[in-house]
Amino acid sequence: MLETIDHEVRGALTRQIAALGHAPANQILASAMGLSLNDLEASLRRLHEAHAVLLHPHGCRPWVVHPFALSAGSCWVQTADFGYWANCLYCAFGIAAALRKNAVITTRLGGEAETVRYTIENGAPHKTSDVFHLSTPAAHWWDNVIFACASFQPFRNEADIDSWCERHASHKGAVMTMADLWRFASDWYGNYLDLGWRKRTPEEIRAVFTKHHLVGQFWSFE
């Protein structure tokens, strides 16, 4: 179970990533928060167990602090100040929403050869004709969250999704418009840099999903 300090560590870590473009060393974050290194790393491990951050498999070092990826991800989010990696376009939209800044996101259609860019300006994406496909059902996202994010990809249209699924023997899951994806990512990640961040309860997660009409077996996370 997460403690109050864990929410504070998660919030401080996320804000440091936003300010630096990368995660601070554990000792630097601990010193900034007035914690011992042991207490900070105990908190990071609790956050990992609660699926609030992802640590490297063999060390207490952040690997993914959603929406930020801390190693090269499939999307690059460029703002006027910094660039950031994201593991999927949903997270990339989330970075722009959390920063509340204009951004240009570079990725590839279906994770294949064709590069595509999405511009976020004045709180909305320019390009909304494409679609976003989520292959992995919500209940299995944290079985391997890196794999799950890799299975979330943009496409020109739904026919391209069908062809992609056949080509890669991949499950066809949920399809969202870019406008809907932006609204969902903004609602989910928009407060991640705010003071007082708290991990959502299962009831709060259901409420956000329902608000965005993300219902049915695919979106059941239990």
Protein backbone atom coordinates (compact mmCIF):
# COMPACT_ATOMS: atom_id res chain seq x y z
CA MET A 1 0.00 0.00 0.00
CA LEU A 2 1.29 3.44 -0.87
CA GLU A 3 2.11 5.90 1.88
CA THR A 4 1.82 9.69 1.75
CA ILE A 5 5.55 10.02 1.11
CA ASP A 6 5.26 7.73 -1.91
CA HIS A 7 2.81 10.06 -3.64
CA GLU A 8 5.14 12.95 -2.83
CA VAL A 9 8.16 11.09 -4.23
CA ARG A 10 6.26 10.21 -7.40
CA GLY A 11 5.16 13.82 -7.87
CA ALA A 12 8.63 15.24 -7.20
CA LEU A 13 10.27 12.72 -9.54
CA THR A 14 7.85 13.52 -12.37
CA ARG A 15 8.39 17.26 -11.98
CA GLN A 16 12.16 16.78 -12.01
CA ILE A 17 11.95 14.80 -15.25
CA ALA A 18 9.86 17.57 -16.78
CA ALA A 19 12.37 20.21 -15.66
CA LEU A 20 15.53 18.32 -16.63
CA GLY A 21 14.51 16.17 -19.58
CA HIS A 22 15.74 13.11 -17.65
CA ALA A 23 15.44 11.58 -14.18
CA PRO A 24 17.71 12.87 -11.42
CA ALA A 25 20.00 10.43 -9.64
CA ASN A 26 18.31 8.87 -6.62
CA GLN A 27 20.69 10.59 -4.21
CA ILE A 28 19.95 14.01 -5.74
CA LEU A 29 16.19 13.47 -5.47
CA ALA A 30 16.55 12.18 -1.91
CA SER A 31 18.57 15.24 -0.89
CA ALA A 32 16.10 17.60 -2.52
CA MET A 33 13.26 15.99 -0.57
CA GLY A 34 15.15 15.77 2.74
CA LEU A 35 15.11 11.96 2.67
CA SER A 36 17.80 9.38 3.20
CA LEU A 37 18.74 7.38 0.12
CA ASN A 38 17.39 4.24 1.80
CA ASP A 39 14.00 5.87 2.46
CA LEU A 40 13.76 7.20 -1.09
CA GLU A 41 14.56 3.85 -2.62
CA ALA A 42 12.11 2.09 -0.33
CA SER A 43 9.48 4.49 -1.60
CA LEU A 44 10.44 3.86 -5.23
CA ARG A 45 10.09 0.12 -4.65
CA ARG A 46 6.60 0.60 -3.19
CA LEU A 47 5.67 2.74 -6.19
CA HIS A 48 6.97 0.01 -8.49
CA GLU A 49 4.91 -2.66 -6.72
CA ALA A 50 1.83 -0.42 -7.00
CA HIS A 51 2.41 0.09 -10.74
CA ALA A 52 2.98 3.80 -10.20
CA VAL A 53 6.50 3.70 -11.69
CA LEU A 54 8.54 1.03 -13.46
CA LEU A 55 12.04 0.35 -12.12
CA HIS A 56 14.84 -1.35 -13.98
CA PRO A 57 14.66 -5.12 -13.37
CA HIS A 58 17.98 -5.37 -11.51
CA GLY A 59 18.24 -2.08 -9.69
CA CYS A 60 16.32 0.66 -7.95
CA ARG A 61 16.46 3.08 -10.87
CA PRO A 62 13.39 4.52 -12.64
CA TRP A 63 12.86 3.15 -16.16
CA VAL A 64 9.41 4.54 -16.94
CA VAL A 65 7.63 7.29 -15.02
CA HIS A 66 4.45 7.70 -17.03
CA PRO A 67 3.97 9.56 -19.22
CA PHE A 68 7.78 9.87 -19.52
CA ALA A 69 10.05 7.13 -20.84
CA LEU A 70 13.59 7.26 -19.45
CA SER A 71 15.16 5.29 -22.27
CA ALA A 72 14.63 5.71 -26.00
CA GLY A 73 10.93 5.20 -26.68
CA SER A 74 8.94 5.04 -29.89
CA CYS A 75 7.90 8.71 -29.71
CA TRP A 76 9.88 11.92 -29.41
CA VAL A 77 8.10 14.91 -27.86
CA GLN A 78 9.75 18.21 -28.69
CA THR A 79 8.79 21.42 -26.91
CA ALA A 80 10.43 24.83 -27.12
CA ASP A 81 12.48 23.97 -24.02
CA PHE A 82 13.23 20.24 -23.98
CA GLY A 83 12.69 16.94 -25.73
CA TYR A 84 11.28 13.84 -24.06
CA TRP A 85 10.84 10.18 -24.94
CA ALA A 86 7.49 8.43 -24.65
CA ASN A 87 6.77 4.74 -25.15
CA CYS A 88 3.60 5.35 -27.16
CA LEU A 89 1.57 8.17 -28.65
CA TYR A 90 -0.89 8.06 -25.76
CA CYS A 91 1.96 8.86 -23.37
CA ALA A 92 3.38 11.43 -25.80
CA PHE A 93 0.04 13.23 -25.83
CA GLY A 94 0.10 12.91 -22.04
CA ILE A 95 3.48 14.66 -21.84
CA ALA A 96 2.20 17.60 -23.88
CA ALA A 97 -0.95 17.74 -21.76
CA ALA A 98 0.95 17.57 -18.45
CA LEU A 99 3.43 20.24 -19.55
CA ARG A 100 0.60 22.40 -20.93
CA LYS A 101 2.90 23.39 -23.76
CA ASN A 102 2.88 23.27 -27.54
CA ALA A 103 4.76 20.22 -28.80
CA VAL A 104 5.68 18.31 -31.94
CA ILE A 105 5.54 14.54 -31.58
CA THR A 106 7.49 12.35 -34.00
CA THR A 107 6.73 8.64 -34.31
CA ARG A 108 6.03 5.99 -36.97
CA LEU A 109 2.77 4.62 -38.34
CA GLY A 110 2.30 1.13 -36.93
CA GLY A 111 5.86 1.30 -35.60
CA GLU A 112 7.01 0.58 -39.15
CA ALA A 113 8.76 2.65 -41.83
CA GLU A 114 6.63 5.76 -42.33
CA THR A 115 7.40 8.68 -40.03
CA VAL A 116 4.48 10.82 -38.87
CA ARG A 117 4.31 13.99 -36.80
CA TYR A 118 1.53 15.27 -34.59
CA THR A 119 1.53 18.92 -33.59
CA ILE A 120 -0.09 19.96 -30.33
CA GLU A 121 -0.87 23.67 -30.32
CA ASN A 122 -3.06 25.73 -28.01
CA GLY A 123 -4.24 22.64 -26.19
CA ALA A 124 -5.29 20.52 -29.17
CA PRO A 125 -3.76 18.29 -31.87
CA HIS A 126 -3.69 19.57 -35.45
CA LYS A 127 -3.90 16.21 -37.18
CA THR A 128 -7.05 14.36 -36.20
CA SER A 129 -7.80 12.24 -39.30
CA ASP A 130 -5.53 9.36 -38.20
CA VAL A 131 -6.62 6.68 -35.73
CA PHE A 132 -4.96 5.05 -32.73
CA HIS A 133 -4.99 1.31 -32.10
CA LEU A 134 -4.50 -0.33 -28.71
CA SER A 135 -3.81 -4.04 -29.10
CA THR A 136 -3.22 -5.11 -25.49
CA PRO A 137 -6.31 -5.17 -23.22
CA ALA A 138 -6.21 -2.97 -20.12
CA ALA A 139 -6.09 -5.92 -17.70
CA HIS A 140 -2.73 -6.94 -19.19
CA TRP A 141 -1.00 -3.56 -19.52
CA TRP A 142 1.13 -4.13 -16.43
CA ASP A 143 1.98 -7.73 -17.28
CA ASN A 144 4.70 -6.04 -19.33
CA VAL A 145 4.01 -2.32 -19.66
CA ILE A 146 6.84 -1.79 -22.18
CA PHE A 147 5.30 -4.42 -24.46
CA ALA A 148 1.83 -2.97 -23.95
CA CYS A 149 2.95 0.52 -24.93
CA ALA A 150 4.72 -0.91 -27.99
CA SER A 151 1.43 -2.47 -29.07
CA PHE A 152 -0.28 0.95 -29.11
CA GLN A 153 0.29 2.55 -32.52
CA PRO A 154 -1.12 5.25 -34.84
CA PHE A 155 -2.51 4.44 -38.29
CA ARG A 156 -4.03 6.33 -41.22
CA ASN A 157 -7.29 4.37 -41.06
CA GLU A 158 -8.88 1.24 -39.66
CA ALA A 159 -8.16 -0.80 -42.79
CA ASP A 160 -4.45 -0.27 -42.16
CA ILE A 161 -4.94 -1.62 -38.63
CA ASP A 162 -6.53 -4.80 -40.00
CA SER A 163 -3.62 -5.29 -42.41
CA TRP A 164 -1.08 -4.62 -39.65
CA CYS A 165 -2.72 -7.13 -37.28
CA GLU A 166 -2.68 -9.79 -39.99
CA ARG A 167 0.93 -9.05 -40.92
CA HIS A 168 2.15 -9.27 -37.34
CA ALA A 169 -0.28 -11.92 -36.03
CA SER A 170 -1.43 -9.32 -33.52
CA HIS A 171 -4.73 -9.04 -31.69
CA LYS A 172 -7.06 -6.25 -32.85
CA GLY A 173 -8.14 -4.33 -29.79
CA ALA A 174 -9.63 -0.87 -29.35
CA VAL A 175 -9.55 1.96 -31.90
CA MET A 176 -9.73 5.64 -30.99
CA THR A 177 -9.80 8.81 -33.02
CA MET A 178 -6.91 11.18 -32.42
CA ALA A 179 -9.29 13.75 -30.96
CA ASP A 180 -10.62 11.17 -28.49
CA LEU A 181 -7.09 10.02 -27.65
CA TRP A 182 -6.05 13.60 -26.92
CA ARG A 183 -9.04 14.17 -24.64
CA PHE A 184 -8.38 10.93 -22.77
CA ALA A 185 -4.63 11.55 -22.42
CA SER A 186 -5.29 15.13 -21.28
CA ASP A 187 -7.74 13.97 -18.65
CA TRP A 188 -5.50 11.14 -17.45
CA TYR A 189 -2.12 12.89 -17.44
CA GLY A 190 -3.03 16.55 -17.28
CA ASN A 191 -2.43 16.85 -13.51
CA TYR A 192 0.67 14.65 -13.26
CA LEU A 193 2.99 17.61 -12.66
CA ASP A 194 0.73 19.29 -10.10
CA LEU A 195 1.50 19.39 -6.41
CA GLY A 196 -0.60 16.92 -4.50
CA TRP A 197 -0.59 14.20 -7.19
CA ARG A 198 -2.18 10.96 -6.00
CA LYS A 199 -2.42 7.59 -7.70
CA ARG A 200 -5.99 6.93 -8.76
CA THR A 201 -8.07 4.35 -6.98
CA PRO A 202 -9.78 1.60 -9.03
CA GLU A 203 -13.06 3.50 -8.66
CA GLU A 204 -11.43 6.68 -10.00
CA ILE A 205 -9.94 4.76 -12.93
CA ARG A 206 -13.35 3.37 -13.83
CA ALA A 207 -14.84 6.86 -13.66
CA VAL A 208 -12.26 8.25 -16.11
CA PHE A 209 -12.73 5.31 -18.48
CA THR A 210 -16.50 5.68 -18.35
CA LYS A 211 -16.31 9.44 -18.90
CA HIS A 212 -14.46 8.76 -22.16
CA HIS A 213 -16.77 5.88 -23.17
CA LEU A 214 -13.99 3.32 -22.71
CA VAL A 215 -16.19 0.47 -21.60
CA GLY A 216 -16.52 -3.22 -22.33
CA GLN A 217 -14.24 -6.22 -21.88
CA PHE A 218 -11.19 -4.59 -23.48
CA TRP A 219 -11.20 -1.78 -20.89
CA SER A 220 -11.84 -3.98 -17.86
CA PHE A 221 -8.65 -3.90 -15.78
CA GLU A 222 -9.68 -6.52 -13.21
